[in-house]
Amino acid sequence: MTVAELIEQLKQMPQDVHVYAEGELADKAIFEKSPDGNGGIVRIFKAWDVEFVGRGIEPQESEDKE
């Protein structure tokens, strides 16, 4: 589906409804250029609200010892 096709479909829909992406209420839409500079893709998604952990933390030994 192209952006033009998406816009045409959205014009036919109620304008006050929510957009979901993969079962989650979408809150972000971004355009990613293709590496070769010809075109790209649009992503609609629910942004993560998480913290990434693990950087700078020494690995712990497993409790399962054989």
C-alpha atoms as a PDB file:
ATOM      1  CA  MET A   1       0.000   0.000   0.000  1.00  0.00           C
ATOM      2  CA  THR A   2       1.292   3.462  -0.819  1.00  0.00           C
ATOM      3  CA  VAL A   3       0.754   6.609   1.228  1.00  0.00           C
ATOM      4  CA  ALA A   4      -1.630   7.903  -1.462  1.00  0.00           C
ATOM      5  CA  GLU A   5      -3.701   4.703  -1.191  1.00  0.00           C
ATOM      6  CA  LEU A   6      -3.711   4.968   2.609  1.00  0.00           C
ATOM      7  CA  ILE A   7      -4.862   8.589   2.478  1.00  0.00           C
ATOM      8  CA  GLU A   8      -7.706   7.691   0.131  1.00  0.00           C
ATOM      9  CA  GLN A   9      -8.870   4.927   2.452  1.00  0.00           C
ATOM     10  CA  LEU A  10      -8.596   7.173   5.511  1.00  0.00           C
ATOM     11  CA  LYS A  11     -10.706   9.872   3.815  1.00  0.00           C
ATOM     12  CA  GLN A  12     -13.584   7.379   3.734  1.00  0.00           C
ATOM     13  CA  MET A  13     -13.375   6.623   7.457  1.00  0.00           C
ATOM     14  CA  PRO A  14     -14.704   8.511  10.472  1.00  0.00           C
ATOM     15  CA  GLN A  15     -12.069  11.069  11.471  1.00  0.00           C
ATOM     16  CA  ASP A  16     -12.527  10.678  15.234  1.00  0.00           C
ATOM     17  CA  VAL A  17     -11.631   6.985  15.606  1.00  0.00           C
ATOM     18  CA  HIS A  18      -8.380   5.590  17.015  1.00  0.00           C
ATOM     19  CA  VAL A  19      -5.587   3.998  14.983  1.00  0.00           C
ATOM     20  CA  TYR A  20      -4.145   0.682  16.151  1.00  0.00           C
ATOM     21  CA  ALA A  21      -1.006  -1.058  14.950  1.00  0.00           C
ATOM     22  CA  GLU A  22      -0.465  -4.721  15.781  1.00  0.00           C
ATOM     23  CA  GLY A  23      -3.059  -4.623  18.543  1.00  0.00           C
ATOM     24  CA  GLU A  24      -1.712  -1.513  20.260  1.00  0.00           C
ATOM     25  CA  LEU A  25      -3.018   2.040  20.129  1.00  0.00           C
ATOM     26  CA  ALA A  26      -0.649   3.736  17.675  1.00  0.00           C
ATOM     27  CA  ASP A  27       1.028   6.952  18.756  1.00  0.00           C
ATOM     28  CA  LYS A  28       3.864   7.333  16.254  1.00  0.00           C
ATOM     29  CA  ALA A  29       4.150   7.520  12.484  1.00  0.00           C
ATOM     30  CA  ILE A  30       7.559   7.931  10.892  1.00  0.00           C
ATOM     31  CA  PHE A  31       9.041   7.968   7.411  1.00  0.00           C
ATOM     32  CA  GLU A  32      12.261   6.030   6.853  1.00  0.00           C
ATOM     33  CA  LYS A  33      14.266   6.790   3.723  1.00  0.00           C
ATOM     34  CA  SER A  34      15.650   3.795   1.901  1.00  0.00           C
ATOM     35  CA  PRO A  35      19.456   3.483   2.020  1.00  0.00           C
ATOM     36  CA  ASP A  36      19.739   4.069  -1.734  1.00  0.00           C
ATOM     37  CA  GLY A  37      17.738   7.304  -1.490  1.00  0.00           C
ATOM     38  CA  ASN A  38      14.921   6.038  -3.724  1.00  0.00           C
ATOM     39  CA  GLY A  39      11.719   6.105  -1.726  1.00  0.00           C
ATOM     40  CA  GLY A  40      11.266   4.639   1.709  1.00  0.00           C
ATOM     41  CA  ILE A  41       8.609   3.315   4.053  1.00  0.00           C
ATOM     42  CA  VAL A  42       6.099   4.689   6.541  1.00  0.00           C
ATOM     43  CA  ARG A  43       5.842   2.967   9.915  1.00  0.00           C
ATOM     44  CA  ILE A  44       2.837   3.387  12.216  1.00  0.00           C
ATOM     45  CA  PHE A  45       3.424   1.940  15.656  1.00  0.00           C
ATOM     46  CA  LYS A  46       3.056   2.102  19.413  1.00  0.00           C
ATOM     47  CA  ALA A  47       6.277   3.474  20.855  1.00  0.00           C
ATOM     48  CA  TRP A  48       7.857   1.526  23.684  1.00  0.00           C
ATOM     49  CA  ASP A  49       7.852   3.071  27.125  1.00  0.00           C
ATOM     50  CA  VAL A  50      10.691   1.010  28.595  1.00  0.00           C
ATOM     51  CA  GLU A  51      14.177   1.458  29.903  1.00  0.00           C
ATOM     52  CA  PHE A  52      16.998  -0.523  28.386  1.00  0.00           C
ATOM     53  CA  VAL A  53      19.232  -2.115  30.966  1.00  0.00           C
ATOM     54  CA  GLY A  54      22.446  -4.058  30.788  1.00  0.00           C
ATOM     55  CA  ARG A  55      25.004  -1.607  29.449  1.00  0.00           C
ATOM     56  CA  GLY A  56      27.964  -1.348  31.762  1.00  0.00           C
ATOM     57  CA  ILE A  57      26.676  -4.149  33.989  1.00  0.00           C
ATOM     58  CA  GLU A  58      28.916  -7.147  34.468  1.00  0.00           C
ATOM     59  CA  PRO A  59      27.288 -10.458  33.509  1.00  0.00           C
ATOM     60  CA  GLN A  60      26.159 -12.478  36.504  1.00  0.00           C
ATOM     61  CA  GLU A  61      27.001 -16.143  36.821  1.00  0.00           C
ATOM     62  CA  SER A  62      24.142 -18.509  36.252  1.00  0.00           C
ATOM     63  CA  GLU A  63      22.662 -20.096  39.376  1.00  0.00           C
ATOM     64  CA  ASP A  64      22.373 -23.382  37.469  1.00  0.00           C
ATOM     65  CA  LYS A  65      25.717 -25.077  38.019  1.00  0.00           C
ATOM     66  CA  GLU A  66      26.295 -28.566  36.774  1.00  0.00           C
END
